[in-house]
Amino acid sequence: MKAAGRTAAFIRLARSSNLPSVWTNSLTAWILAGGTASESASLWILLCGGSLVYAGGAVLNDAFDVEFDRRHRPERPIPAGLLSTRSVWITGLLALAAGSALLAWRASPGLAAALAIAILFYDGIHKKWVGAVWIMAACRALLACVVASAAAPGSLPGLTNLLHAGALFVHTAAITYTARSESSPGHFRRWPLFLLMAPLPASFALRIPPEPWFWIAATALLGWTLVAVARLRGSEPARIGRCVAALLAGFILVDALFLAQSSPVLLPIAGALFGFTLLLQRSIPAT
C-alpha cells in the first residue's frame, strides 16, 4: 500500500477530527490555572503532548479491538487490510509514549503517567465492561489536571480547575455511554444524555452572577446538544455515530462556557476551532 494511503488510514485511526477539542480542553485548563502568555512555550509543548497522547490512545483502541472489528466492523483499517496490526501497535505505543514524555517534561510526571495508564486500561477493557465509560471520562479529566499542574507547578488543582475537570468527566461519560451503542444499538439507553448538561451548573459556579458572555456560550452549548440529540431520530444504527460525532465537537462549547467566565477574549479561538472540527469531520470520522 502506498505511503499516502497508510498515512490517511492512520489519520482516520487517530480520530484526528477530535484533536481541536483536546486543544481547547488544554487551553481552558491552562487559563483557569493561571497560565500566562509569557509561558506560551510550555503551553505549546503541552498541546503537542496532549495531541500525541490522544492520537496514540485512539490508534491503540483499534489495535486492542482488532478481533471484534474483524467480526463486526470489517471496514475498519486493520480488517480491511489498509494497515497491519503490528504497525498499528508500534505507532500507537510510540505516540502515547512520546506524548506522555512531553506532558511529564512540563507538568506533573505522576499525573502524566496516570493519564497514560488510564488510556491503556480503557483501551484494553472497554469492550468487556460497561463501567469503562468512567475510565474514558477520567482520561479527559486527567488531561485537564495535567495541564493545570504545569500552569501552577507544585500545587494541587484549584476549585476552578476541578470544576472544569469534573464537567469534562461527566460530559465524557455521557458521550462514551452513547457511543457504546454504536456497535450494539439494541442496548441503547437515553438517560445518560441528561448528563450532557452537567457543565452548565459547573461553569455557572465559577462566577455568580456570571459574565454576560456566559449566556451566549450556554445557549450555544444547549442548542448544539439538542441538534446532536435530534440526530438520534430514526432506527438506523448510523444515527448513533452522527449523534456522537456532534457531541464530540460540543466539547469545545463546554470549554467555551469556562472561557466565557474566565477569559472571554479567547472565545473567538474556541469558535474557530469548533468550526474547524465540523469541517474535519466531513472527511475524517470522529468515531
C-alpha atoms as a PDB file:
ATOM      1  CA  MET A   1       0.000   0.000   0.000  1.00  0.00           C
ATOM      2  CA  LYS A   2       1.285   3.473  -0.861  1.00  0.00           C
ATOM      3  CA  ALA A   3       2.601   5.723   1.927  1.00  0.00           C
ATOM      4  CA  ALA A   4      -0.146   8.296   1.319  1.00  0.00           C
ATOM      5  CA  GLY A   5      -2.791   5.643   1.806  1.00  0.00           C
ATOM      6  CA  ARG A   6      -1.208   4.401   5.034  1.00  0.00           C
ATOM      7  CA  THR A   7      -0.948   7.957   6.328  1.00  0.00           C
ATOM      8  CA  ALA A   8      -4.620   8.570   5.586  1.00  0.00           C
ATOM      9  CA  ALA A   9      -5.517   5.355   7.397  1.00  0.00           C
ATOM     10  CA  PHE A  10      -3.530   6.386  10.475  1.00  0.00           C
ATOM     11  CA  ILE A  11      -5.170   9.826  10.424  1.00  0.00           C
ATOM     12  CA  ARG A  12      -8.502   8.038  10.496  1.00  0.00           C
ATOM     13  CA  LEU A  13      -7.439   5.699  13.311  1.00  0.00           C
ATOM     14  CA  ALA A  14      -6.233   8.649  15.383  1.00  0.00           C
ATOM     15  CA  ARG A  15      -9.702  10.252  15.174  1.00  0.00           C
ATOM     16  CA  SER A  16      -7.825  13.401  14.177  1.00  0.00           C
ATOM     17  CA  SER A  17     -11.008  15.399  13.706  1.00  0.00           C
ATOM     18  CA  ASN A  18     -11.383  15.369  17.505  1.00  0.00           C
ATOM     19  CA  LEU A  19      -7.993  16.959  18.198  1.00  0.00           C
ATOM     20  CA  PRO A  20      -9.317  20.558  18.354  1.00  0.00           C
ATOM     21  CA  SER A  21     -11.334  19.548  21.422  1.00  0.00           C
ATOM     22  CA  VAL A  22      -8.110  18.307  23.053  1.00  0.00           C
ATOM     23  CA  TRP A  23      -6.594  21.718  22.338  1.00  0.00           C
ATOM     24  CA  THR A  24      -9.472  23.654  23.910  1.00  0.00           C
ATOM     25  CA  ASN A  25      -9.565  21.297  26.914  1.00  0.00           C
ATOM     26  CA  SER A  26      -5.883  22.065  27.451  1.00  0.00           C
ATOM     27  CA  LEU A  27      -6.121  25.791  26.762  1.00  0.00           C
ATOM     28  CA  THR A  28      -9.035  26.176  29.170  1.00  0.00           C
ATOM     29  CA  ALA A  29      -7.281  24.236  31.921  1.00  0.00           C
ATOM     30  CA  TRP A  30      -4.184  26.386  31.370  1.00  0.00           C
ATOM     31  CA  ILE A  31      -6.116  29.651  31.665  1.00  0.00           C
ATOM     32  CA  LEU A  32      -8.107  28.523  34.716  1.00  0.00           C
ATOM     33  CA  ALA A  33      -4.867  27.541  36.488  1.00  0.00           C
ATOM     34  CA  GLY A  34      -3.374  30.991  35.879  1.00  0.00           C
ATOM     35  CA  GLY A  35      -1.183  30.212  32.881  1.00  0.00           C
ATOM     36  CA  THR A  36       0.172  33.309  31.151  1.00  0.00           C
ATOM     37  CA  ALA A  37       1.270  34.312  27.671  1.00  0.00           C
ATOM     38  CA  SER A  38       4.871  34.565  28.871  1.00  0.00           C
ATOM     39  CA  GLU A  39       4.816  30.789  29.350  1.00  0.00           C
ATOM     40  CA  SER A  40       3.400  30.083  25.910  1.00  0.00           C
ATOM     41  CA  ALA A  41       6.280  27.718  25.043  1.00  0.00           C
ATOM     42  CA  SER A  42       5.124  25.376  27.796  1.00  0.00           C
ATOM     43  CA  LEU A  43       1.544  25.569  26.537  1.00  0.00           C
ATOM     44  CA  TRP A  44       2.578  24.598  23.014  1.00  0.00           C
ATOM     45  CA  ILE A  45       4.524  21.626  24.352  1.00  0.00           C
ATOM     46  CA  LEU A  46       1.501  20.567  26.375  1.00  0.00           C
ATOM     47  CA  LEU A  47      -0.748  20.886  23.323  1.00  0.00           C
ATOM     48  CA  CYS A  48       1.606  18.678  21.329  1.00  0.00           C
ATOM     49  CA  GLY A  49       1.844  16.190  24.180  1.00  0.00           C
ATOM     50  CA  GLY A  50      -1.919  16.050  24.649  1.00  0.00           C
ATOM     51  CA  SER A  51      -2.453  15.581  20.915  1.00  0.00           C
ATOM     52  CA  LEU A  52       0.015  12.691  20.752  1.00  0.00           C
ATOM     53  CA  VAL A  53      -1.482  11.037  23.821  1.00  0.00           C
ATOM     54  CA  TYR A  54      -4.982  11.304  22.376  1.00  0.00           C
ATOM     55  CA  ALA A  55      -3.914  10.057  18.952  1.00  0.00           C
ATOM     56  CA  GLY A  56      -1.889   7.214  20.450  1.00  0.00           C
ATOM     57  CA  GLY A  57      -4.790   6.116  22.617  1.00  0.00           C
ATOM     58  CA  ALA A  58      -7.188   6.216  19.658  1.00  0.00           C
ATOM     59  CA  VAL A  59      -4.822   4.172  17.473  1.00  0.00           C
ATOM     60  CA  LEU A  60      -4.286   1.612  20.233  1.00  0.00           C
ATOM     61  CA  ASN A  61      -8.045   1.354  20.612  1.00  0.00           C
ATOM     62  CA  ASP A  62      -8.169  -0.268  17.168  1.00  0.00           C
ATOM     63  CA  ALA A  63      -5.186  -2.469  17.991  1.00  0.00           C
ATOM     64  CA  PHE A  64      -6.979  -3.857  21.035  1.00  0.00           C
ATOM     65  CA  ASP A  65     -10.274  -4.211  19.127  1.00  0.00           C
ATOM     66  CA  VAL A  66      -8.919  -5.948  16.031  1.00  0.00           C
ATOM     67  CA  GLU A  67     -10.703  -9.269  16.628  1.00  0.00           C
ATOM     68  CA  PHE A  68     -14.000  -7.533  17.371  1.00  0.00           C
ATOM     69  CA  ASP A  69     -13.640  -5.374  14.275  1.00  0.00           C
ATOM     70  CA  ARG A  70     -12.913  -8.374  12.071  1.00  0.00           C
ATOM     71  CA  ARG A  71     -16.270  -9.829  13.089  1.00  0.00           C
ATOM     72  CA  HIS A  72     -18.411  -6.708  13.345  1.00  0.00           C
ATOM     73  CA  ARG A  73     -16.654  -3.802  11.591  1.00  0.00           C
ATOM     74  CA  PRO A  74     -14.677  -5.189   8.653  1.00  0.00           C
ATOM     75  CA  GLU A  75     -14.475  -1.705   7.120  1.00  0.00           C
ATOM     76  CA  ARG A  76     -12.022  -0.561   9.835  1.00  0.00           C
ATOM     77  CA  PRO A  77      -8.439  -0.032   8.549  1.00  0.00           C
ATOM     78  CA  ILE A  78      -6.893  -3.189  10.050  1.00  0.00           C
ATOM     79  CA  PRO A  79      -9.557  -5.729   8.983  1.00  0.00           C
ATOM     80  CA  ALA A  80      -9.781  -4.013   5.600  1.00  0.00           C
ATOM     81  CA  GLY A  81      -6.069  -4.659   5.066  1.00  0.00           C
ATOM     82  CA  LEU A  82      -5.098  -0.991   4.946  1.00  0.00           C
ATOM     83  CA  LEU A  83      -2.733  -1.346   7.921  1.00  0.00           C
ATOM     84  CA  SER A  84      -1.015  -4.233   9.638  1.00  0.00           C
ATOM     85  CA  THR A  85      -1.777  -4.982  13.275  1.00  0.00           C
ATOM     86  CA  ARG A  86       1.943  -4.720  14.083  1.00  0.00           C
ATOM     87  CA  SER A  87       2.299  -1.230  12.581  1.00  0.00           C
ATOM     88  CA  VAL A  88      -0.767  -0.041  14.483  1.00  0.00           C
ATOM     89  CA  TRP A  89       0.592  -1.325  17.804  1.00  0.00           C
ATOM     90  CA  ILE A  90       4.002   0.253  17.216  1.00  0.00           C
ATOM     91  CA  THR A  91       2.601   3.608  16.082  1.00  0.00           C
ATOM     92  CA  GLY A  92       0.087   3.808  18.902  1.00  0.00           C
ATOM     93  CA  LEU A  93       2.603   2.945  21.615  1.00  0.00           C
ATOM     94  CA  LEU A  94       5.208   5.365  20.251  1.00  0.00           C
ATOM     95  CA  ALA A  95       2.684   8.212  20.062  1.00  0.00           C
ATOM     96  CA  LEU A  96       1.422   7.527  23.588  1.00  0.00           C
ATOM     97  CA  ALA A  97       4.968   7.315  24.968  1.00  0.00           C
ATOM     98  CA  ALA A  98       6.129  10.488  23.187  1.00  0.00           C
ATOM     99  CA  GLY A  99       3.059  12.425  24.266  1.00  0.00           C
ATOM    100  CA  SER A 100       3.397  11.272  27.866  1.00  0.00           C
ATOM    101  CA  ALA A 101       7.067  12.288  27.881  1.00  0.00           C
ATOM    102  CA  LEU A 102       6.202  15.789  26.645  1.00  0.00           C
ATOM    103  CA  LEU A 103       3.498  16.166  29.282  1.00  0.00           C
ATOM    104  CA  ALA A 104       5.785  14.880  32.045  1.00  0.00           C
ATOM    105  CA  TRP A 105       8.512  17.296  30.912  1.00  0.00           C
ATOM    106  CA  ARG A 106       6.372  20.356  31.619  1.00  0.00           C
ATOM    107  CA  ALA A 107       3.714  19.052  34.017  1.00  0.00           C
ATOM    108  CA  SER A 108       3.325  16.578  36.864  1.00  0.00           C
ATOM    109  CA  PRO A 109       5.043  13.288  35.900  1.00  0.00           C
ATOM    110  CA  GLY A 110       2.681  11.408  38.199  1.00  0.00           C
ATOM    111  CA  LEU A 111      -0.443  12.797  36.563  1.00  0.00           C
ATOM    112  CA  ALA A 112       1.024  12.252  33.094  1.00  0.00           C
ATOM    113  CA  ALA A 113       1.720   8.606  33.978  1.00  0.00           C
ATOM    114  CA  ALA A 114      -1.785   8.214  35.423  1.00  0.00           C
ATOM    115  CA  LEU A 115      -3.238   9.534  32.160  1.00  0.00           C
ATOM    116  CA  ALA A 116      -1.245   7.052  30.058  1.00  0.00           C
ATOM    117  CA  ILE A 117      -2.237   4.152  32.322  1.00  0.00           C
ATOM    118  CA  ALA A 118      -5.902   5.172  32.209  1.00  0.00           C
ATOM    119  CA  ILE A 119      -5.801   5.268  28.406  1.00  0.00           C
ATOM    120  CA  LEU A 120      -4.255   1.799  28.158  1.00  0.00           C
ATOM    121  CA  PHE A 121      -6.681   0.440  30.754  1.00  0.00           C
ATOM    122  CA  TYR A 122      -9.664   1.819  28.862  1.00  0.00           C
ATOM    123  CA  ASP A 123      -8.457   0.528  25.508  1.00  0.00           C
ATOM    124  CA  GLY A 124      -7.905  -2.923  26.960  1.00  0.00           C
ATOM    125  CA  ILE A 125     -11.245  -3.423  28.720  1.00  0.00           C
ATOM    126  CA  HIS A 126     -13.816  -1.105  27.150  1.00  0.00           C
ATOM    127  CA  LYS A 127     -15.437  -3.830  25.049  1.00  0.00           C
ATOM    128  CA  LYS A 128     -15.755  -6.107  28.085  1.00  0.00           C
ATOM    129  CA  TRP A 129     -17.008  -3.771  30.822  1.00  0.00           C
ATOM    130  CA  VAL A 130     -19.676  -1.078  30.598  1.00  0.00           C
ATOM    131  CA  GLY A 131     -18.085   0.689  33.563  1.00  0.00           C
ATOM    132  CA  ALA A 132     -15.153   1.550  31.305  1.00  0.00           C
ATOM    133  CA  VAL A 133     -17.084   4.675  30.331  1.00  0.00           C
ATOM    134  CA  TRP A 134     -15.885   6.174  33.608  1.00  0.00           C
ATOM    135  CA  ILE A 135     -12.284   5.320  32.746  1.00  0.00           C
ATOM    136  CA  MET A 136     -12.624   7.217  29.483  1.00  0.00           C
ATOM    137  CA  ALA A 137     -14.192  10.068  31.434  1.00  0.00           C
ATOM    138  CA  ALA A 138     -11.178  10.053  33.744  1.00  0.00           C
ATOM    139  CA  CYS A 139      -8.877  10.373  30.720  1.00  0.00           C
ATOM    140  CA  ARG A 140     -10.405  13.724  29.669  1.00  0.00           C
ATOM    141  CA  ALA A 141     -10.426  14.968  33.252  1.00  0.00           C
ATOM    142  CA  LEU A 142      -6.831  13.863  33.828  1.00  0.00           C
ATOM    143  CA  LEU A 143      -5.631  15.713  30.731  1.00  0.00           C
ATOM    144  CA  ALA A 144      -7.098  18.929  32.134  1.00  0.00           C
ATOM    145  CA  CYS A 145      -5.435  18.247  35.503  1.00  0.00           C
ATOM    146  CA  VAL A 146      -2.078  17.541  33.843  1.00  0.00           C
ATOM    147  CA  VAL A 147      -2.142  20.880  32.041  1.00  0.00           C
ATOM    148  CA  ALA A 148      -3.263  22.672  35.206  1.00  0.00           C
ATOM    149  CA  SER A 149      -0.309  21.188  37.073  1.00  0.00           C
ATOM    150  CA  ALA A 150       2.031  22.754  34.509  1.00  0.00           C
ATOM    151  CA  ALA A 151       0.467  26.203  34.825  1.00  0.00           C
ATOM    152  CA  ALA A 152       0.618  26.064  38.614  1.00  0.00           C
ATOM    153  CA  PRO A 153       3.557  23.748  39.420  1.00  0.00           C
ATOM    154  CA  GLY A 154       3.873  22.390  42.931  1.00  0.00           C
ATOM    155  CA  SER A 155       0.210  22.899  43.829  1.00  0.00           C
ATOM    156  CA  LEU A 156      -2.954  20.855  43.561  1.00  0.00           C
ATOM    157  CA  PRO A 157      -5.600  21.882  41.007  1.00  0.00           C
ATOM    158  CA  GLY A 158      -7.766  24.677  42.379  1.00  0.00           C
ATOM    159  CA  LEU A 159     -11.548  24.733  42.571  1.00  0.00           C
ATOM    160  CA  THR A 160     -11.925  26.284  39.124  1.00  0.00           C
ATOM    161  CA  ASN A 161      -9.822  23.557  37.529  1.00  0.00           C
ATOM    162  CA  LEU A 162     -11.642  20.856  39.461  1.00  0.00           C
ATOM    163  CA  LEU A 163     -14.993  22.207  38.254  1.00  0.00           C
ATOM    164  CA  HIS A 164     -13.702  22.158  34.683  1.00  0.00           C
ATOM    165  CA  ALA A 165     -12.260  18.659  35.032  1.00  0.00           C
ATOM    166  CA  GLY A 166     -15.465  17.463  36.681  1.00  0.00           C
ATOM    167  CA  ALA A 167     -17.582  18.879  33.866  1.00  0.00           C
ATOM    168  CA  LEU A 168     -15.386  17.121  31.300  1.00  0.00           C
ATOM    169  CA  PHE A 169     -15.613  13.906  33.324  1.00  0.00           C
ATOM    170  CA  VAL A 170     -19.420  13.775  33.380  1.00  0.00           C
ATOM    171  CA  HIS A 171     -19.792  15.053  29.811  1.00  0.00           C
ATOM    172  CA  THR A 172     -17.347  12.417  28.529  1.00  0.00           C
ATOM    173  CA  ALA A 173     -19.130   9.631  30.388  1.00  0.00           C
ATOM    174  CA  ALA A 174     -22.424  10.594  28.758  1.00  0.00           C
ATOM    175  CA  ILE A 175     -20.881  10.639  25.267  1.00  0.00           C
ATOM    176  CA  THR A 176     -18.974   7.387  25.769  1.00  0.00           C
ATOM    177  CA  TYR A 177     -22.051   5.582  27.065  1.00  0.00           C
ATOM    178  CA  THR A 178     -23.941   6.728  23.968  1.00  0.00           C
ATOM    179  CA  ALA A 179     -21.050   5.716  21.696  1.00  0.00           C
ATOM    180  CA  ARG A 180     -21.077   2.157  23.098  1.00  0.00           C
ATOM    181  CA  SER A 181     -24.467   1.703  21.481  1.00  0.00           C
ATOM    182  CA  GLU A 182     -22.965   2.263  18.026  1.00  0.00           C
ATOM    183  CA  SER A 183     -21.807  -1.357  17.983  1.00  0.00           C
ATOM    184  CA  SER A 184     -24.809  -2.715  19.913  1.00  0.00           C
ATOM    185  CA  PRO A 185     -27.802  -0.440  19.234  1.00  0.00           C
ATOM    186  CA  GLY A 186     -30.179  -2.842  20.919  1.00  0.00           C
ATOM    187  CA  HIS A 187     -28.713  -1.810  24.280  1.00  0.00           C
ATOM    188  CA  PHE A 188     -29.148   1.929  23.726  1.00  0.00           C
ATOM    189  CA  ARG A 189     -30.319   3.964  26.716  1.00  0.00           C
ATOM    190  CA  ARG A 190     -31.237   7.628  26.628  1.00  0.00           C
ATOM    191  CA  TRP A 191     -30.814   8.528  30.304  1.00  0.00           C
ATOM    192  CA  PRO A 192     -27.063   9.342  30.064  1.00  0.00           C
ATOM    193  CA  LEU A 193     -27.934  12.161  27.653  1.00  0.00           C
ATOM    194  CA  PHE A 194     -29.210  14.176  30.611  1.00  0.00           C
ATOM    195  CA  LEU A 195     -25.639  14.226  31.954  1.00  0.00           C
ATOM    196  CA  LEU A 196     -24.620  16.351  28.970  1.00  0.00           C
ATOM    197  CA  MET A 197     -25.958  19.392  30.791  1.00  0.00           C
ATOM    198  CA  ALA A 198     -23.612  18.956  33.773  1.00  0.00           C
ATOM    199  CA  PRO A 199     -21.140  21.609  32.504  1.00  0.00           C
ATOM    200  CA  LEU A 200     -23.788  24.348  32.797  1.00  0.00           C
ATOM    201  CA  PRO A 201     -24.048  24.436  36.614  1.00  0.00           C
ATOM    202  CA  ALA A 202     -20.320  23.676  36.974  1.00  0.00           C
ATOM    203  CA  SER A 203     -19.282  26.672  34.862  1.00  0.00           C
ATOM    204  CA  PHE A 204     -22.004  28.890  36.330  1.00  0.00           C
ATOM    205  CA  ALA A 205     -20.473  28.322  39.767  1.00  0.00           C
ATOM    206  CA  LEU A 206     -17.203  29.940  38.677  1.00  0.00           C
ATOM    207  CA  ARG A 207     -18.648  33.429  38.852  1.00  0.00           C
ATOM    208  CA  ILE A 208     -22.006  34.456  40.293  1.00  0.00           C
ATOM    209  CA  PRO A 209     -23.519  36.477  38.743  1.00  0.00           C
ATOM    210  CA  PRO A 210     -21.928  35.086  35.577  1.00  0.00           C
ATOM    211  CA  GLU A 211     -20.211  37.118  32.890  1.00  0.00           C
ATOM    212  CA  PRO A 212     -22.553  38.298  30.083  1.00  0.00           C
ATOM    213  CA  TRP A 213     -20.730  36.088  27.551  1.00  0.00           C
ATOM    214  CA  PHE A 214     -21.641  33.063  29.645  1.00  0.00           C
ATOM    215  CA  TRP A 215     -25.252  33.194  28.492  1.00  0.00           C
ATOM    216  CA  ILE A 216     -24.212  33.196  24.845  1.00  0.00           C
ATOM    217  CA  ALA A 217     -21.896  30.225  25.411  1.00  0.00           C
ATOM    218  CA  ALA A 218     -24.579  28.403  27.412  1.00  0.00           C
ATOM    219  CA  THR A 219     -27.148  28.948  24.668  1.00  0.00           C
ATOM    220  CA  ALA A 220     -24.685  27.676  22.073  1.00  0.00           C
ATOM    221  CA  LEU A 221     -23.968  24.517  24.074  1.00  0.00           C
ATOM    222  CA  LEU A 222     -27.635  23.839  24.791  1.00  0.00           C
ATOM    223  CA  GLY A 223     -28.636  24.438  21.176  1.00  0.00           C
ATOM    224  CA  TRP A 224     -25.868  22.270  19.757  1.00  0.00           C
ATOM    225  CA  THR A 225     -26.633  19.461  22.216  1.00  0.00           C
ATOM    226  CA  LEU A 226     -30.265  19.495  21.078  1.00  0.00           C
ATOM    227  CA  VAL A 227     -29.079  19.359  17.450  1.00  0.00           C
ATOM    228  CA  ALA A 228     -26.864  16.375  18.285  1.00  0.00           C
ATOM    229  CA  VAL A 229     -29.576  14.511  20.175  1.00  0.00           C
ATOM    230  CA  ALA A 230     -32.037  15.155  17.331  1.00  0.00           C
ATOM    231  CA  ARG A 231     -29.767  13.029  15.134  1.00  0.00           C
ATOM    232  CA  LEU A 232     -30.920  10.014  17.131  1.00  0.00           C
ATOM    233  CA  ARG A 233     -34.294  10.087  15.410  1.00  0.00           C
ATOM    234  CA  GLY A 234     -34.981   7.036  13.339  1.00  0.00           C
ATOM    235  CA  SER A 235     -33.854   3.453  13.731  1.00  0.00           C
ATOM    236  CA  GLU A 236     -30.750   3.033  11.556  1.00  0.00           C
ATOM    237  CA  PRO A 237     -27.536   2.273  13.511  1.00  0.00           C
ATOM    238  CA  ALA A 238     -25.648   5.125  11.768  1.00  0.00           C
ATOM    239  CA  ARG A 239     -27.719   7.689  13.665  1.00  0.00           C
ATOM    240  CA  ILE A 240     -25.766   6.986  16.865  1.00  0.00           C
ATOM    241  CA  GLY A 241     -22.454   7.708  15.177  1.00  0.00           C
ATOM    242  CA  ARG A 242     -23.802  11.001  13.816  1.00  0.00           C
ATOM    243  CA  CYS A 243     -25.009  11.992  17.284  1.00  0.00           C
ATOM    244  CA  VAL A 244     -21.698  11.077  18.939  1.00  0.00           C
ATOM    245  CA  ALA A 245     -19.687  12.995  16.331  1.00  0.00           C
ATOM    246  CA  ALA A 246     -21.725  16.129  17.034  1.00  0.00           C
ATOM    247  CA  LEU A 247     -21.365  15.678  20.788  1.00  0.00           C
ATOM    248  CA  LEU A 248     -17.595  15.304  20.448  1.00  0.00           C
ATOM    249  CA  ALA A 249     -17.463  18.644  18.631  1.00  0.00           C
ATOM    250  CA  GLY A 250     -19.524  20.032  21.524  1.00  0.00           C
ATOM    251  CA  PHE A 251     -16.576  19.521  23.890  1.00  0.00           C
ATOM    252  CA  ILE A 252     -15.298  22.822  22.534  1.00  0.00           C
ATOM    253  CA  LEU A 253     -18.529  24.540  23.561  1.00  0.00           C
ATOM    254  CA  VAL A 254     -18.117  23.096  27.056  1.00  0.00           C
ATOM    255  CA  ASP A 255     -14.703  24.747  27.235  1.00  0.00           C
ATOM    256  CA  ALA A 256     -16.245  27.954  25.881  1.00  0.00           C
ATOM    257  CA  LEU A 257     -18.508  28.076  28.967  1.00  0.00           C
ATOM    258  CA  PHE A 258     -15.466  28.231  31.221  1.00  0.00           C
ATOM    259  CA  LEU A 259     -13.575  30.625  28.960  1.00  0.00           C
ATOM    260  CA  ALA A 260     -16.604  32.938  28.971  1.00  0.00           C
ATOM    261  CA  GLN A 261     -16.317  33.119  32.752  1.00  0.00           C
ATOM    262  CA  SER A 262     -12.554  33.499  32.953  1.00  0.00           C
ATOM    263  CA  SER A 263     -11.152  34.867  29.683  1.00  0.00           C
ATOM    264  CA  PRO A 264     -13.871  35.783  27.154  1.00  0.00           C
ATOM    265  CA  VAL A 265     -11.251  37.287  24.822  1.00  0.00           C
ATOM    266  CA  LEU A 266     -10.384  33.686  23.878  1.00  0.00           C
ATOM    267  CA  LEU A 267     -13.919  32.790  22.819  1.00  0.00           C
ATOM    268  CA  PRO A 268     -13.199  33.519  19.117  1.00  0.00           C
ATOM    269  CA  ILE A 269     -10.478  30.849  19.252  1.00  0.00           C
ATOM    270  CA  ALA A 270     -12.982  28.353  20.622  1.00  0.00           C
ATOM    271  CA  GLY A 271     -15.487  29.335  17.944  1.00  0.00           C
ATOM    272  CA  ALA A 272     -12.916  28.934  15.190  1.00  0.00           C
ATOM    273  CA  LEU A 273     -11.843  25.515  16.465  1.00  0.00           C
ATOM    274  CA  PHE A 274     -15.473  24.406  16.717  1.00  0.00           C
ATOM    275  CA  GLY A 275     -15.970  25.282  13.050  1.00  0.00           C
ATOM    276  CA  PHE A 276     -12.669  23.610  12.184  1.00  0.00           C
ATOM    277  CA  THR A 277     -13.808  20.419  13.912  1.00  0.00           C
ATOM    278  CA  LEU A 278     -17.038  20.307  11.925  1.00  0.00           C
ATOM    279  CA  LEU A 279     -15.021  20.804   8.753  1.00  0.00           C
ATOM    280  CA  LEU A 280     -12.612  17.992   9.643  1.00  0.00           C
ATOM    281  CA  GLN A 281     -15.469  15.637  10.440  1.00  0.00           C
ATOM    282  CA  ARG A 282     -16.615  15.826   6.826  1.00  0.00           C
ATOM    283  CA  SER A 283     -13.562  13.831   5.760  1.00  0.00           C
ATOM    284  CA  ILE A 284     -12.275  12.195   8.974  1.00  0.00           C
ATOM    285  CA  PRO A 285     -14.750  10.099  11.008  1.00  0.00           C
ATOM    286  CA  ALA A 286     -14.940  11.182  14.640  1.00  0.00           C
ATOM    287  CA  THR A 287     -15.635   7.664  15.906  1.00  0.00           C
END
